Amino acid sequence: MDVAAVQSLIEEKVPLAGFIGLEVDAVETGRARLRMPFSPQIKNHLDIAYAGAIFALAEIAGGVAMLSAFEQEGYTVLARRMEIDYVRPSRSDLWCEVTVPDGVIADSREAVRVAGKADVVLPIEVHDERGRVIARVSAFYYLRQQSN
């Protein structure tokens, strides 16, 4: 997938992404890496990264990874639920890399083929510029074949 095209798509479909400065670093099948610069747009009243901005980074990175894994099959990908644990505060740029394992991709494709739908759970971590985990997310997605 073309990084510039994904960046444009995210900014068009999720305007918040542009406001908070999300940048797509890499996209491959089943993998996405995004970063978010520490800026006034993501600071809270304590001058640290706002929880909602951290969540947005994780949610959008997970969505891009899922779409890159399943869009060629014509699947609809929906986030069902996300649980986030904030591990430490941050005053730095943040990054998030999400990988949908090959086995999960294969099992999900088979589940959609057989049952018309699949559930996928992905662990996601958000890191600061020093590589420390600042948030852990359990992301629950629903896949189904698009109706014609």
N, C-alpha and C. Protein backbone atom coordinates (compact mmCIF):
# COMPACT_ATOMS: atom_id res chain seq x y z
N MET A 1 0.84 -1.18 0.00
CA MET A 1 0.00 0.00 0.00
C MET A 1 0.88 1.24 0.00
N ASP A 2 0.42 2.23 -0.66
CA ASP A 2 1.16 3.49 -0.77
C ASP A 2 0.93 4.34 0.48
N VAL A 3 2.00 4.70 1.18
CA VAL A 3 1.92 5.46 2.42
C VAL A 3 1.21 6.80 2.21
N ALA A 4 1.55 7.51 1.13
CA ALA A 4 0.93 8.81 0.86
C ALA A 4 -0.58 8.67 0.64
N ALA A 5 -0.99 7.62 -0.07
CA ALA A 5 -2.41 7.40 -0.32
C ALA A 5 -3.14 7.09 0.98
N VAL A 6 -2.53 6.28 1.84
CA VAL A 6 -3.14 5.96 3.13
C VAL A 6 -3.24 7.21 4.00
N GLN A 7 -2.18 8.03 3.99
CA GLN A 7 -2.19 9.28 4.76
C GLN A 7 -3.34 10.17 4.29
N SER A 8 -3.50 10.33 2.99
CA SER A 8 -4.59 11.16 2.45
C SER A 8 -5.95 10.60 2.81
N LEU A 9 -6.10 9.28 2.71
CA LEU A 9 -7.37 8.64 3.03
C LEU A 9 -7.74 8.86 4.50
N ILE A 10 -6.77 8.68 5.38
CA ILE A 10 -7.03 8.87 6.82
C ILE A 10 -7.46 10.32 7.08
N GLU A 11 -6.74 11.27 6.52
CA GLU A 11 -7.07 12.67 6.75
C GLU A 11 -8.43 13.05 6.18
N GLU A 12 -8.82 12.40 5.07
CA GLU A 12 -10.13 12.66 4.47
C GLU A 12 -11.25 12.04 5.29
N LYS A 13 -11.08 10.78 5.69
CA LYS A 13 -12.16 10.04 6.36
C LYS A 13 -12.22 10.31 7.86
N VAL A 14 -11.09 10.67 8.46
CA VAL A 14 -11.03 10.94 9.90
C VAL A 14 -10.31 12.27 10.10
N PRO A 15 -11.02 13.38 9.94
CA PRO A 15 -10.38 14.70 10.01
C PRO A 15 -9.60 14.93 11.31
N LEU A 16 -10.01 14.31 12.38
CA LEU A 16 -9.26 14.43 13.65
C LEU A 16 -7.81 14.03 13.46
N ALA A 17 -7.56 13.04 12.62
CA ALA A 17 -6.18 12.57 12.39
C ALA A 17 -5.28 13.69 11.91
N GLY A 18 -5.78 14.51 11.01
CA GLY A 18 -5.00 15.64 10.54
C GLY A 18 -4.80 16.69 11.61
N PHE A 19 -5.83 16.94 12.40
CA PHE A 19 -5.75 17.94 13.46
C PHE A 19 -4.69 17.58 14.50
N ILE A 20 -4.63 16.29 14.88
CA ILE A 20 -3.66 15.88 15.90
C ILE A 20 -2.31 15.49 15.29
N GLY A 21 -2.19 15.59 13.98
CA GLY A 21 -0.90 15.40 13.32
C GLY A 21 -0.46 13.97 13.10
N LEU A 22 -1.41 13.02 13.04
CA LEU A 22 -1.02 11.63 12.80
C LEU A 22 -0.29 11.51 11.47
N GLU A 23 0.80 10.76 11.49
CA GLU A 23 1.60 10.53 10.29
C GLU A 23 1.78 9.04 10.07
N VAL A 24 1.54 8.59 8.85
CA VAL A 24 1.72 7.19 8.49
C VAL A 24 3.19 6.99 8.14
N ASP A 25 3.86 6.13 8.88
CA ASP A 25 5.27 5.81 8.60
C ASP A 25 5.40 4.64 7.63
N ALA A 26 4.55 3.63 7.81
CA ALA A 26 4.67 2.41 7.00
C ALA A 26 3.33 1.69 6.97
N VAL A 27 3.04 1.07 5.84
CA VAL A 27 1.86 0.21 5.70
C VAL A 27 2.25 -0.93 4.78
N GLU A 28 2.00 -2.14 5.26
CA GLU A 28 2.16 -3.36 4.46
C GLU A 28 0.93 -4.20 4.75
N THR A 29 0.78 -5.30 4.06
CA THR A 29 -0.35 -6.17 4.33
C THR A 29 -0.31 -6.62 5.79
N GLY A 30 -1.34 -6.25 6.54
CA GLY A 30 -1.45 -6.66 7.93
C GLY A 30 -0.56 -5.90 8.90
N ARG A 31 0.02 -4.79 8.47
CA ARG A 31 0.93 -4.04 9.36
C ARG A 31 0.82 -2.55 9.07
N ALA A 32 0.80 -1.78 10.16
CA ALA A 32 0.80 -0.33 10.02
C ALA A 32 1.61 0.28 11.16
N ARG A 33 2.34 1.32 10.84
CA ARG A 33 3.07 2.08 11.85
C ARG A 33 2.72 3.55 11.64
N LEU A 34 2.18 4.16 12.71
CA LEU A 34 1.81 5.57 12.69
C LEU A 34 2.51 6.27 13.84
N ARG A 35 2.70 7.57 13.68
CA ARG A 35 3.27 8.35 14.78
C ARG A 35 2.47 9.63 14.94
N MET A 36 2.62 10.22 16.11
CA MET A 36 1.91 11.44 16.44
C MET A 36 2.88 12.36 17.17
N PRO A 37 3.18 13.52 16.60
CA PRO A 37 4.10 14.44 17.27
C PRO A 37 3.46 15.04 18.52
N PHE A 38 4.28 15.28 19.52
CA PHE A 38 3.81 15.96 20.73
C PHE A 38 3.65 17.43 20.37
N SER A 39 2.43 17.93 20.47
CA SER A 39 2.13 19.29 20.03
C SER A 39 1.02 19.85 20.91
N PRO A 40 0.75 21.14 20.80
CA PRO A 40 -0.35 21.73 21.58
C PRO A 40 -1.70 21.05 21.30
N GLN A 41 -1.89 20.48 20.11
CA GLN A 41 -3.16 19.83 19.78
C GLN A 41 -3.42 18.57 20.60
N ILE A 42 -2.37 17.96 21.14
CA ILE A 42 -2.60 16.71 21.89
C ILE A 42 -2.33 16.86 23.39
N LYS A 43 -1.98 18.04 23.85
CA LYS A 43 -1.70 18.23 25.28
C LYS A 43 -2.99 18.39 26.08
N ASN A 44 -2.93 17.94 27.33
CA ASN A 44 -4.06 18.17 28.24
C ASN A 44 -3.70 19.25 29.26
N HIS A 45 -4.50 19.39 30.28
CA HIS A 45 -4.29 20.43 31.29
C HIS A 45 -3.03 20.23 32.13
N LEU A 46 -2.45 19.04 32.09
CA LEU A 46 -1.20 18.75 32.82
C LEU A 46 0.02 18.83 31.92
N ASP A 47 -0.18 19.28 30.68
CA ASP A 47 0.90 19.41 29.70
C ASP A 47 1.50 18.05 29.33
N ILE A 48 0.66 17.02 29.35
CA ILE A 48 1.06 15.68 28.90
C ILE A 48 0.11 15.27 27.77
N ALA A 49 0.44 14.18 27.10
CA ALA A 49 -0.41 13.70 26.00
C ALA A 49 -1.80 13.35 26.53
N TYR A 50 -2.79 13.92 25.87
CA TYR A 50 -4.20 13.72 26.22
C TYR A 50 -4.61 12.28 25.93
N ALA A 51 -5.36 11.68 26.87
CA ALA A 51 -5.78 10.28 26.74
C ALA A 51 -6.52 10.02 25.43
N GLY A 52 -7.38 10.95 25.03
CA GLY A 52 -8.14 10.75 23.79
C GLY A 52 -7.27 10.73 22.55
N ALA A 53 -6.20 11.52 22.56
CA ALA A 53 -5.27 11.52 21.42
C ALA A 53 -4.50 10.21 21.37
N ILE A 54 -4.11 9.70 22.53
CA ILE A 54 -3.41 8.41 22.58
C ILE A 54 -4.33 7.31 22.06
N PHE A 55 -5.58 7.34 22.50
CA PHE A 55 -6.56 6.37 22.02
C PHE A 55 -6.73 6.46 20.51
N ALA A 56 -6.84 7.69 19.99
CA ALA A 56 -7.03 7.87 18.54
C ALA A 56 -5.86 7.28 17.77
N LEU A 57 -4.64 7.49 18.24
CA LEU A 57 -3.47 6.92 17.57
C LEU A 57 -3.58 5.40 17.50
N ALA A 58 -3.92 4.76 18.62
CA ALA A 58 -4.03 3.30 18.66
C ALA A 58 -5.18 2.80 17.78
N GLU A 59 -6.32 3.48 17.86
CA GLU A 59 -7.50 3.04 17.11
C GLU A 59 -7.27 3.16 15.61
N ILE A 60 -6.70 4.26 15.18
CA ILE A 60 -6.47 4.45 13.75
C ILE A 60 -5.38 3.52 13.24
N ALA A 61 -4.32 3.34 14.00
CA ALA A 61 -3.26 2.40 13.59
C ALA A 61 -3.82 0.98 13.46
N GLY A 62 -4.64 0.57 14.42
CA GLY A 62 -5.26 -0.76 14.34
C GLY A 62 -6.17 -0.89 13.14
N GLY A 63 -6.94 0.16 12.87
CA GLY A 63 -7.83 0.15 11.71
C GLY A 63 -7.08 0.04 10.40
N VAL A 64 -5.99 0.78 10.29
CA VAL A 64 -5.18 0.72 9.06
C VAL A 64 -4.59 -0.68 8.88
N ALA A 65 -4.08 -1.27 9.96
CA ALA A 65 -3.51 -2.63 9.87
C ALA A 65 -4.59 -3.63 9.44
N MET A 66 -5.77 -3.54 10.04
CA MET A 66 -6.86 -4.45 9.68
C MET A 66 -7.30 -4.27 8.23
N LEU A 67 -7.47 -3.02 7.82
CA LEU A 67 -7.88 -2.79 6.43
C LEU A 67 -6.82 -3.27 5.45
N SER A 68 -5.55 -3.09 5.79
CA SER A 68 -4.49 -3.55 4.88
C SER A 68 -4.47 -5.07 4.77
N ALA A 69 -4.95 -5.75 5.81
CA ALA A 69 -4.97 -7.22 5.80
C ALA A 69 -6.18 -7.77 5.06
N PHE A 70 -7.30 -7.03 5.07
CA PHE A 70 -8.55 -7.63 4.61
C PHE A 70 -9.27 -6.88 3.49
N GLU A 71 -8.82 -5.71 3.09
CA GLU A 71 -9.59 -4.95 2.10
C GLU A 71 -9.62 -5.63 0.73
N GLN A 72 -8.57 -6.37 0.35
CA GLN A 72 -8.55 -7.02 -0.96
C GLN A 72 -9.65 -8.07 -1.08
N GLU A 73 -10.06 -8.64 0.05
CA GLU A 73 -11.12 -9.65 0.03
C GLU A 73 -12.51 -9.02 -0.02
N GLY A 74 -12.57 -7.72 0.08
CA GLY A 74 -13.87 -7.05 0.09
C GLY A 74 -14.59 -7.19 1.40
N TYR A 75 -13.86 -7.30 2.49
CA TYR A 75 -14.47 -7.41 3.81
C TYR A 75 -14.76 -6.04 4.40
N THR A 76 -15.81 -5.97 5.19
CA THR A 76 -16.08 -4.80 6.01
C THR A 76 -15.37 -5.04 7.34
N VAL A 77 -14.61 -4.05 7.80
CA VAL A 77 -13.90 -4.13 9.08
C VAL A 77 -14.51 -3.09 10.00
N LEU A 78 -14.99 -3.54 11.15
CA LEU A 78 -15.57 -2.63 12.13
C LEU A 78 -14.91 -2.83 13.49
N ALA A 79 -14.61 -1.74 14.16
CA ALA A 79 -14.14 -1.83 15.55
C ALA A 79 -15.37 -2.05 16.42
N ARG A 80 -15.32 -3.11 17.22
CA ARG A 80 -16.45 -3.43 18.10
C ARG A 80 -16.25 -2.84 19.49
N ARG A 81 -15.02 -2.95 19.97
CA ARG A 81 -14.74 -2.53 21.34
C ARG A 81 -13.24 -2.34 21.48
N MET A 82 -12.86 -1.42 22.32
CA MET A 82 -11.44 -1.23 22.63
C MET A 82 -11.31 -0.96 24.11
N GLU A 83 -10.35 -1.65 24.70
CA GLU A 83 -10.05 -1.45 26.12
C GLU A 83 -8.63 -0.91 26.21
N ILE A 84 -8.46 0.19 26.93
CA ILE A 84 -7.14 0.81 26.98
C ILE A 84 -6.69 0.98 28.42
N ASP A 85 -5.44 0.67 28.64
CA ASP A 85 -4.78 0.92 29.93
C ASP A 85 -3.67 1.92 29.68
N TYR A 86 -3.74 3.03 30.37
CA TYR A 86 -2.70 4.05 30.26
C TYR A 86 -1.62 3.71 31.28
N VAL A 87 -0.42 3.46 30.79
CA VAL A 87 0.67 2.94 31.61
C VAL A 87 1.51 4.05 32.23
N ARG A 88 1.79 5.09 31.46
CA ARG A 88 2.62 6.19 31.95
C ARG A 88 2.30 7.45 31.16
N PRO A 89 2.50 8.61 31.77
CA PRO A 89 2.29 9.85 31.04
C PRO A 89 3.44 10.08 30.06
N SER A 90 3.19 10.95 29.09
CA SER A 90 4.23 11.23 28.10
C SER A 90 4.19 12.69 27.68
N ARG A 91 5.38 13.22 27.48
CA ARG A 91 5.56 14.55 26.89
C ARG A 91 6.49 14.45 25.69
N SER A 92 6.24 13.45 24.86
CA SER A 92 7.10 13.25 23.68
C SER A 92 6.25 12.79 22.51
N ASP A 93 6.89 12.72 21.34
CA ASP A 93 6.23 12.13 20.18
C ASP A 93 5.86 10.69 20.54
N LEU A 94 4.79 10.20 19.93
CA LEU A 94 4.32 8.84 20.19
C LEU A 94 4.26 8.07 18.88
N TRP A 95 4.40 6.75 18.98
CA TRP A 95 4.26 5.90 17.81
C TRP A 95 3.53 4.62 18.18
N CYS A 96 2.95 4.02 17.16
CA CYS A 96 2.17 2.80 17.36
C CYS A 96 2.35 1.93 16.12
N GLU A 97 2.81 0.72 16.33
CA GLU A 97 2.94 -0.25 15.25
C GLU A 97 2.04 -1.43 15.55
N VAL A 98 1.19 -1.77 14.60
CA VAL A 98 0.23 -2.86 14.77
C VAL A 98 0.44 -3.89 13.68
N THR A 99 0.50 -5.15 14.09
CA THR A 99 0.64 -6.25 13.13
C THR A 99 -0.48 -7.25 13.36
N VAL A 100 -1.16 -7.59 12.27
CA VAL A 100 -2.15 -8.67 12.30
C VAL A 100 -1.37 -9.93 11.89
N PRO A 101 -1.16 -10.86 12.81
CA PRO A 101 -0.36 -12.04 12.47
C PRO A 101 -0.94 -12.85 11.31
N ASP A 102 -0.04 -13.46 10.53
CA ASP A 102 -0.47 -14.25 9.37
C ASP A 102 -1.51 -15.30 9.75
N GLY A 103 -1.32 -15.96 10.89
CA GLY A 103 -2.27 -16.99 11.33
C GLY A 103 -3.64 -16.42 11.60
N VAL A 104 -3.70 -15.22 12.16
CA VAL A 104 -4.97 -14.56 12.42
C VAL A 104 -5.65 -14.19 11.10
N ILE A 105 -4.86 -13.72 10.15
CA ILE A 105 -5.42 -13.40 8.83
C ILE A 105 -6.02 -14.65 8.19
N ALA A 106 -5.27 -15.74 8.19
CA ALA A 106 -5.75 -16.99 7.57
C ALA A 106 -6.99 -17.52 8.29
N ASP A 107 -6.97 -17.56 9.62
CA ASP A 107 -8.11 -18.06 10.38
C ASP A 107 -9.35 -17.18 10.16
N SER A 108 -9.15 -15.88 10.09
CA SER A 108 -10.27 -14.96 9.90
C SER A 108 -10.88 -15.11 8.52
N ARG A 109 -10.03 -15.27 7.52
CA ARG A 109 -10.54 -15.49 6.15
C ARG A 109 -11.37 -16.76 6.09
N GLU A 110 -10.89 -17.80 6.75
CA GLU A 110 -11.63 -19.07 6.77
C GLU A 110 -12.96 -18.91 7.52
N ALA A 111 -12.96 -18.20 8.62
CA ALA A 111 -14.20 -17.98 9.38
C ALA A 111 -15.21 -17.21 8.55
N VAL A 112 -14.76 -16.20 7.82
CA VAL A 112 -15.69 -15.44 6.96
C VAL A 112 -16.20 -16.33 5.84
N ARG A 113 -15.32 -17.16 5.27
CA ARG A 113 -15.75 -18.06 4.20
C ARG A 113 -16.83 -19.02 4.69
N VAL A 114 -16.66 -19.57 5.88
CA VAL A 114 -17.57 -20.57 6.42
C VAL A 114 -18.82 -19.94 7.04
N ALA A 115 -18.62 -18.92 7.88
CA ALA A 115 -19.72 -18.37 8.67
C ALA A 115 -20.19 -16.99 8.21
N GLY A 116 -19.44 -16.38 7.29
CA GLY A 116 -19.81 -15.05 6.82
C GLY A 116 -19.33 -13.92 7.70
N LYS A 117 -18.64 -14.27 8.79
CA LYS A 117 -18.15 -13.24 9.71
C LYS A 117 -17.01 -13.81 10.55
N ALA A 118 -16.29 -12.91 11.19
CA ALA A 118 -15.19 -13.32 12.08
C ALA A 118 -14.97 -12.22 13.11
N ASP A 119 -14.48 -12.62 14.26
CA ASP A 119 -14.05 -11.69 15.29
C ASP A 119 -12.54 -11.77 15.40
N VAL A 120 -11.91 -10.62 15.53
CA VAL A 120 -10.46 -10.54 15.64
C VAL A 120 -10.13 -9.69 16.86
N VAL A 121 -9.20 -10.19 17.67
CA VAL A 121 -8.72 -9.42 18.81
C VAL A 121 -7.24 -9.15 18.59
N LEU A 122 -6.88 -7.87 18.66
CA LEU A 122 -5.48 -7.48 18.47
C LEU A 122 -4.95 -6.76 19.69
N PRO A 123 -3.76 -7.14 20.13
CA PRO A 123 -3.09 -6.32 21.15
C PRO A 123 -2.38 -5.16 20.46
N ILE A 124 -2.49 -3.98 21.03
CA ILE A 124 -1.86 -2.79 20.47
C ILE A 124 -1.13 -2.06 21.59
N GLU A 125 0.07 -1.59 21.32
CA GLU A 125 0.80 -0.77 22.28
C GLU A 125 1.15 0.56 21.65
N VAL A 126 1.08 1.60 22.46
CA VAL A 126 1.53 2.93 22.06
C VAL A 126 2.81 3.21 22.82
N HIS A 127 3.83 3.72 22.11
CA HIS A 127 5.16 3.95 22.69
C HIS A 127 5.55 5.42 22.60
N ASP A 128 6.41 5.82 23.54
CA ASP A 128 6.96 7.17 23.44
C ASP A 128 8.23 7.12 22.59
N GLU A 129 8.85 8.26 22.40
CA GLU A 129 10.02 8.32 21.51
C GLU A 129 11.20 7.51 22.03
N ARG A 130 11.22 7.19 23.33
CA ARG A 130 12.28 6.34 23.89
C ARG A 130 11.94 4.86 23.82
N GLY A 131 10.77 4.53 23.27
CA GLY A 131 10.37 3.14 23.12
C GLY A 131 9.61 2.58 24.31
N ARG A 132 9.34 3.41 25.31
CA ARG A 132 8.60 2.93 26.49
C ARG A 132 7.11 2.84 26.16
N VAL A 133 6.49 1.79 26.68
CA VAL A 133 5.05 1.62 26.49
C VAL A 133 4.32 2.66 27.35
N ILE A 134 3.45 3.43 26.71
CA ILE A 134 2.65 4.38 27.49
C ILE A 134 1.18 3.97 27.56
N ALA A 135 0.75 3.08 26.65
CA ALA A 135 -0.62 2.57 26.70
C ALA A 135 -0.68 1.20 26.05
N ARG A 136 -1.55 0.36 26.59
CA ARG A 136 -1.83 -0.97 26.02
C ARG A 136 -3.32 -1.04 25.71
N VAL A 137 -3.62 -1.55 24.52
CA VAL A 137 -5.00 -1.62 24.06
C VAL A 137 -5.31 -3.04 23.65
N SER A 138 -6.50 -3.49 24.01
CA SER A 138 -7.07 -4.71 23.43
C SER A 138 -8.15 -4.24 22.48
N ALA A 139 -7.95 -4.52 21.21
CA ALA A 139 -8.86 -4.05 20.17
C ALA A 139 -9.65 -5.22 19.62
N PHE A 140 -10.96 -5.09 19.62
CA PHE A 140 -11.86 -6.14 19.17
C PHE A 140 -12.51 -5.68 17.86
N TYR A 141 -12.29 -6.44 16.79
CA TYR A 141 -12.82 -6.10 15.48
C TYR A 141 -13.79 -7.17 15.00
N TYR A 142 -14.68 -6.75 14.13
CA TYR A 142 -15.66 -7.62 13.50
C TYR A 142 -15.45 -7.54 12.00
N LEU A 143 -15.37 -8.70 11.36
CA LEU A 143 -15.22 -8.76 9.90
C LEU A 143 -16.45 -9.44 9.32
N ARG A 144 -16.85 -8.96 8.16
CA ARG A 144 -17.91 -9.66 7.43
C ARG A 144 -17.71 -9.37 5.95
N GLN A 145 -18.26 -10.25 5.15
CA GLN A 145 -18.22 -10.03 3.70
C GLN A 145 -19.14 -8.88 3.37
N GLN A 146 -18.67 -7.96 2.53
CA GLN A 146 -19.52 -6.84 2.13
C GLN A 146 -20.68 -7.36 1.30
N SER A 147 -21.84 -6.79 1.55
CA SER A 147 -23.00 -7.17 0.74
C SER A 147 -23.00 -6.37 -0.55
N ASN A 148 -23.47 -6.97 -1.58
CA ASN A 148 -23.46 -6.31 -2.91
C ASN A 148 -24.63 -5.39 -3.08
